[in-house]
Amino acid sequence: MEVLNRPELTHLQVGENLKILQIKALAGMGMPKHHSTKEAVIVVQKGKAILNTKDTEYLLEKGSSMLVPAGLEHSLTILEEFEAVAIMAKDCNINFNN
């Protein structure tokens, strides 16, 4: 049996043009390199994580938000129990590099 070590992504709402995903993760989890096909807004509700890009690390913590450009390859490292929402176009896809 495989142990899940990635954040849980759940569709909260899908509207005419936008969708909202809930992101939940425990400390020590991570999300491997990926990108979205369209820009996305991340709004952190709880905890801390590091969003890693090729050139920069961004601290995501409760109350912060970030606009992630389309096509930006990044990974996520969870530092503290983490909850956030991702708001993106309805036809946006998340593509993992593996």
N, C-alpha and C. Protein backbone atom coordinates (compact mmCIF):
# COMPACT_ATOMS: atom_id res chain seq x y z
N MET A 1 0.85 -1.18 0.00
CA MET A 1 0.00 0.00 0.00
C MET A 1 0.89 1.24 0.00
N GLU A 2 0.63 2.18 -0.91
CA GLU A 2 1.40 3.41 -1.01
C GLU A 2 0.91 4.43 0.02
N VAL A 3 1.83 5.07 0.70
CA VAL A 3 1.48 6.11 1.67
C VAL A 3 1.42 7.44 0.93
N LEU A 4 0.33 8.16 1.11
CA LEU A 4 0.15 9.45 0.45
C LEU A 4 1.01 10.50 1.13
N ASN A 5 1.93 11.11 0.38
CA ASN A 5 2.79 12.14 0.94
C ASN A 5 2.65 13.45 0.16
N ARG A 6 1.54 13.59 -0.55
CA ARG A 6 1.26 14.80 -1.32
C ARG A 6 0.05 15.50 -0.73
N PRO A 7 -0.01 16.81 -0.91
CA PRO A 7 -1.21 17.54 -0.47
C PRO A 7 -2.47 17.00 -1.14
N GLU A 8 -3.57 17.14 -0.44
CA GLU A 8 -4.87 16.74 -0.96
C GLU A 8 -5.49 17.92 -1.70
N LEU A 9 -5.92 17.72 -2.93
CA LEU A 9 -6.57 18.75 -3.74
C LEU A 9 -8.03 18.36 -3.93
N THR A 10 -8.94 19.26 -3.58
CA THR A 10 -10.37 19.00 -3.68
C THR A 10 -11.05 20.15 -4.40
N HIS A 11 -11.90 19.84 -5.38
CA HIS A 11 -12.69 20.89 -6.04
C HIS A 11 -13.77 21.36 -5.07
N LEU A 12 -13.76 22.65 -4.74
CA LEU A 12 -14.79 23.21 -3.87
C LEU A 12 -15.97 23.73 -4.68
N GLN A 13 -15.66 24.48 -5.74
CA GLN A 13 -16.70 25.04 -6.58
C GLN A 13 -16.20 25.14 -8.01
N VAL A 14 -17.12 24.96 -8.95
CA VAL A 14 -16.83 25.18 -10.35
C VAL A 14 -17.95 26.06 -10.89
N GLY A 15 -17.54 27.25 -11.36
CA GLY A 15 -18.51 28.19 -11.90
C GLY A 15 -18.47 28.21 -13.41
N GLU A 16 -19.04 29.24 -13.98
CA GLU A 16 -19.07 29.38 -15.43
C GLU A 16 -17.67 29.59 -16.00
N ASN A 17 -16.83 30.38 -15.29
CA ASN A 17 -15.50 30.71 -15.79
C ASN A 17 -14.35 30.32 -14.86
N LEU A 18 -14.64 30.16 -13.57
CA LEU A 18 -13.60 29.90 -12.58
C LEU A 18 -13.87 28.62 -11.80
N LYS A 19 -12.80 28.09 -11.19
CA LYS A 19 -12.95 26.99 -10.24
C LYS A 19 -12.09 27.28 -9.03
N ILE A 20 -12.49 26.70 -7.89
CA ILE A 20 -11.76 26.87 -6.63
C ILE A 20 -11.38 25.48 -6.13
N LEU A 21 -10.07 25.31 -5.89
CA LEU A 21 -9.56 24.06 -5.33
C LEU A 21 -9.11 24.29 -3.89
N GLN A 22 -9.41 23.37 -3.00
CA GLN A 22 -8.91 23.39 -1.63
C GLN A 22 -7.63 22.57 -1.60
N ILE A 23 -6.59 23.12 -0.97
CA ILE A 23 -5.32 22.43 -0.80
C ILE A 23 -5.12 22.19 0.69
N LYS A 24 -4.93 20.93 1.08
CA LYS A 24 -4.68 20.59 2.48
C LYS A 24 -3.47 19.67 2.54
N ALA A 25 -2.58 19.94 3.53
CA ALA A 25 -1.38 19.12 3.65
C ALA A 25 -0.84 19.16 5.07
N LEU A 26 -0.15 18.11 5.45
CA LEU A 26 0.51 18.04 6.75
C LEU A 26 1.97 18.45 6.60
N ALA A 27 2.57 18.89 7.69
CA ALA A 27 4.00 19.24 7.69
C ALA A 27 4.81 18.06 7.16
N GLY A 28 5.77 18.35 6.32
CA GLY A 28 6.63 17.33 5.75
C GLY A 28 6.18 16.83 4.39
N MET A 29 4.94 17.12 4.03
CA MET A 29 4.46 16.73 2.70
C MET A 29 5.06 17.67 1.66
N GLY A 30 4.94 17.28 0.41
CA GLY A 30 5.40 18.13 -0.67
C GLY A 30 4.66 17.83 -1.95
N MET A 31 4.70 18.78 -2.85
CA MET A 31 4.11 18.61 -4.17
C MET A 31 5.25 18.74 -5.18
N PRO A 32 5.47 17.72 -6.00
CA PRO A 32 6.60 17.76 -6.94
C PRO A 32 6.42 18.84 -8.00
N LYS A 33 7.45 19.03 -8.80
CA LYS A 33 7.42 20.08 -9.82
C LYS A 33 6.19 19.93 -10.72
N HIS A 34 5.55 21.08 -10.93
CA HIS A 34 4.35 21.12 -11.76
C HIS A 34 4.15 22.55 -12.25
N HIS A 35 3.19 22.74 -13.12
CA HIS A 35 2.79 24.08 -13.56
C HIS A 35 1.31 24.05 -13.93
N SER A 36 0.72 25.24 -13.93
CA SER A 36 -0.67 25.34 -14.37
C SER A 36 -0.70 25.93 -15.77
N THR A 37 -1.71 25.55 -16.54
CA THR A 37 -1.80 26.00 -17.92
C THR A 37 -2.29 27.44 -18.02
N LYS A 38 -2.83 27.96 -16.95
CA LYS A 38 -3.26 29.37 -16.87
C LYS A 38 -2.87 29.89 -15.50
N GLU A 39 -2.86 31.22 -15.34
CA GLU A 39 -2.46 31.76 -14.04
C GLU A 39 -3.46 31.35 -12.96
N ALA A 40 -2.97 31.32 -11.73
CA ALA A 40 -3.78 30.92 -10.58
C ALA A 40 -3.46 31.82 -9.39
N VAL A 41 -4.44 32.02 -8.54
CA VAL A 41 -4.27 32.77 -7.30
C VAL A 41 -4.32 31.78 -6.15
N ILE A 42 -3.30 31.81 -5.28
CA ILE A 42 -3.25 30.98 -4.08
C ILE A 42 -3.50 31.88 -2.88
N VAL A 43 -4.47 31.51 -2.04
CA VAL A 43 -4.78 32.26 -0.82
C VAL A 43 -4.61 31.30 0.36
N VAL A 44 -3.66 31.61 1.24
CA VAL A 44 -3.33 30.71 2.34
C VAL A 44 -4.24 30.99 3.53
N GLN A 45 -4.86 29.94 4.04
CA GLN A 45 -5.79 30.04 5.17
C GLN A 45 -5.16 29.58 6.48
N LYS A 46 -4.14 28.71 6.39
CA LYS A 46 -3.55 28.13 7.60
C LYS A 46 -2.16 27.61 7.28
N GLY A 47 -1.24 27.74 8.23
CA GLY A 47 0.06 27.09 8.12
C GLY A 47 1.10 27.83 7.30
N LYS A 48 2.17 27.09 6.93
CA LYS A 48 3.28 27.65 6.18
C LYS A 48 3.79 26.64 5.17
N ALA A 49 4.23 27.16 4.01
CA ALA A 49 4.84 26.34 2.98
C ALA A 49 5.82 27.19 2.19
N ILE A 50 6.72 26.53 1.50
CA ILE A 50 7.66 27.21 0.60
C ILE A 50 7.29 26.81 -0.82
N LEU A 51 7.06 27.81 -1.66
CA LEU A 51 6.85 27.58 -3.08
C LEU A 51 8.20 27.83 -3.75
N ASN A 52 8.75 26.79 -4.35
CA ASN A 52 10.08 26.84 -4.96
C ASN A 52 9.98 26.94 -6.47
N THR A 53 10.66 27.93 -7.05
CA THR A 53 10.79 28.03 -8.50
C THR A 53 12.26 27.83 -8.84
N LYS A 54 12.58 27.87 -10.11
CA LYS A 54 13.97 27.70 -10.53
C LYS A 54 14.89 28.73 -9.87
N ASP A 55 14.40 29.96 -9.71
CA ASP A 55 15.24 31.06 -9.24
C ASP A 55 14.94 31.57 -7.84
N THR A 56 13.76 31.26 -7.29
CA THR A 56 13.34 31.93 -6.05
C THR A 56 12.52 30.99 -5.17
N GLU A 57 12.55 31.28 -3.87
CA GLU A 57 11.68 30.62 -2.90
C GLU A 57 10.72 31.66 -2.34
N TYR A 58 9.46 31.31 -2.26
CA TYR A 58 8.44 32.21 -1.71
C TYR A 58 7.83 31.57 -0.48
N LEU A 59 7.76 32.31 0.62
CA LEU A 59 7.10 31.83 1.83
C LEU A 59 5.61 32.09 1.71
N LEU A 60 4.83 31.03 1.82
CA LEU A 60 3.37 31.14 1.85
C LEU A 60 2.94 30.88 3.28
N GLU A 61 2.26 31.84 3.89
CA GLU A 61 1.79 31.65 5.26
C GLU A 61 0.41 32.25 5.42
N LYS A 62 -0.26 31.88 6.52
CA LYS A 62 -1.63 32.30 6.77
C LYS A 62 -1.80 33.80 6.47
N GLY A 63 -2.81 34.10 5.66
CA GLY A 63 -3.12 35.48 5.31
C GLY A 63 -2.42 35.96 4.05
N SER A 64 -1.46 35.21 3.53
CA SER A 64 -0.76 35.66 2.32
C SER A 64 -1.46 35.11 1.08
N SER A 65 -1.16 35.75 -0.03
CA SER A 65 -1.66 35.28 -1.31
C SER A 65 -0.56 35.44 -2.36
N MET A 66 -0.73 34.72 -3.46
CA MET A 66 0.28 34.78 -4.52
C MET A 66 -0.39 34.53 -5.85
N LEU A 67 -0.01 35.31 -6.84
CA LEU A 67 -0.43 35.09 -8.21
C LEU A 67 0.65 34.25 -8.89
N VAL A 68 0.30 33.04 -9.28
CA VAL A 68 1.25 32.13 -9.92
C VAL A 68 1.02 32.21 -11.43
N PRO A 69 2.02 32.70 -12.18
CA PRO A 69 1.85 32.84 -13.63
C PRO A 69 1.67 31.49 -14.33
N ALA A 70 0.96 31.51 -15.43
CA ALA A 70 0.80 30.30 -16.25
C ALA A 70 2.17 29.79 -16.69
N GLY A 71 2.34 28.49 -16.61
CA GLY A 71 3.58 27.86 -17.08
C GLY A 71 4.76 27.93 -16.13
N LEU A 72 4.63 28.62 -14.98
CA LEU A 72 5.74 28.71 -14.03
C LEU A 72 5.94 27.36 -13.34
N GLU A 73 7.05 26.69 -13.62
CA GLU A 73 7.34 25.42 -12.98
C GLU A 73 7.70 25.69 -11.52
N HIS A 74 7.05 24.95 -10.62
CA HIS A 74 7.30 25.14 -9.20
C HIS A 74 6.97 23.87 -8.42
N SER A 75 7.48 23.82 -7.20
CA SER A 75 7.16 22.73 -6.29
C SER A 75 6.75 23.36 -4.96
N LEU A 76 6.22 22.55 -4.07
CA LEU A 76 5.74 23.05 -2.79
C LEU A 76 6.27 22.15 -1.68
N THR A 77 6.82 22.77 -0.63
CA THR A 77 7.30 22.07 0.55
C THR A 77 6.50 22.57 1.74
N ILE A 78 5.82 21.67 2.44
CA ILE A 78 4.96 22.06 3.55
C ILE A 78 5.77 22.10 4.84
N LEU A 79 5.76 23.27 5.51
CA LEU A 79 6.50 23.45 6.76
C LEU A 79 5.62 23.22 7.99
N GLU A 80 4.37 23.67 7.92
CA GLU A 80 3.39 23.51 9.00
C GLU A 80 2.07 23.10 8.38
N GLU A 81 1.22 22.40 9.15
CA GLU A 81 -0.08 22.00 8.62
C GLU A 81 -0.66 23.14 7.79
N PHE A 82 -1.05 22.84 6.55
CA PHE A 82 -1.31 23.87 5.54
C PHE A 82 -2.68 23.72 4.92
N GLU A 83 -3.37 24.85 4.78
CA GLU A 83 -4.63 24.91 4.05
C GLU A 83 -4.63 26.17 3.21
N ALA A 84 -5.05 26.04 1.96
CA ALA A 84 -5.13 27.18 1.05
C ALA A 84 -6.19 26.89 0.00
N VAL A 85 -6.60 27.93 -0.71
CA VAL A 85 -7.44 27.74 -1.88
C VAL A 85 -6.68 28.25 -3.09
N ALA A 86 -6.91 27.58 -4.21
CA ALA A 86 -6.36 28.00 -5.50
C ALA A 86 -7.54 28.37 -6.38
N ILE A 87 -7.50 29.57 -6.91
CA ILE A 87 -8.57 30.06 -7.77
C ILE A 87 -7.99 30.19 -9.18
N MET A 88 -8.65 29.57 -10.15
CA MET A 88 -8.11 29.56 -11.51
C MET A 88 -9.25 29.42 -12.52
N ALA A 89 -8.91 29.61 -13.78
CA ALA A 89 -9.89 29.44 -14.85
C ALA A 89 -10.42 28.01 -14.85
N LYS A 90 -11.68 27.87 -15.22
CA LYS A 90 -12.33 26.57 -15.23
C LYS A 90 -11.58 25.57 -16.10
N ASP A 91 -10.99 26.04 -17.21
CA ASP A 91 -10.30 25.14 -18.13
C ASP A 91 -8.80 25.04 -17.86
N CYS A 92 -8.35 25.54 -16.71
CA CYS A 92 -6.94 25.46 -16.32
C CYS A 92 -6.63 24.04 -15.84
N ASN A 93 -5.48 23.53 -16.23
CA ASN A 93 -5.03 22.20 -15.78
C ASN A 93 -3.72 22.33 -15.03
N ILE A 94 -3.50 21.42 -14.08
CA ILE A 94 -2.23 21.33 -13.35
C ILE A 94 -1.48 20.14 -13.94
N ASN A 95 -0.31 20.40 -14.50
CA ASN A 95 0.49 19.36 -15.14
C ASN A 95 1.74 19.08 -14.32
N PHE A 96 1.90 17.81 -13.91
CA PHE A 96 3.08 17.39 -13.17
C PHE A 96 4.16 16.95 -14.15
N ASN A 97 5.40 17.14 -13.77
CA ASN A 97 6.54 16.85 -14.66
C ASN A 97 6.85 15.37 -14.78
N ASN A 98 6.27 14.52 -13.95
CA ASN A 98 6.61 13.09 -14.02
C ASN A 98 5.63 12.29 -14.82
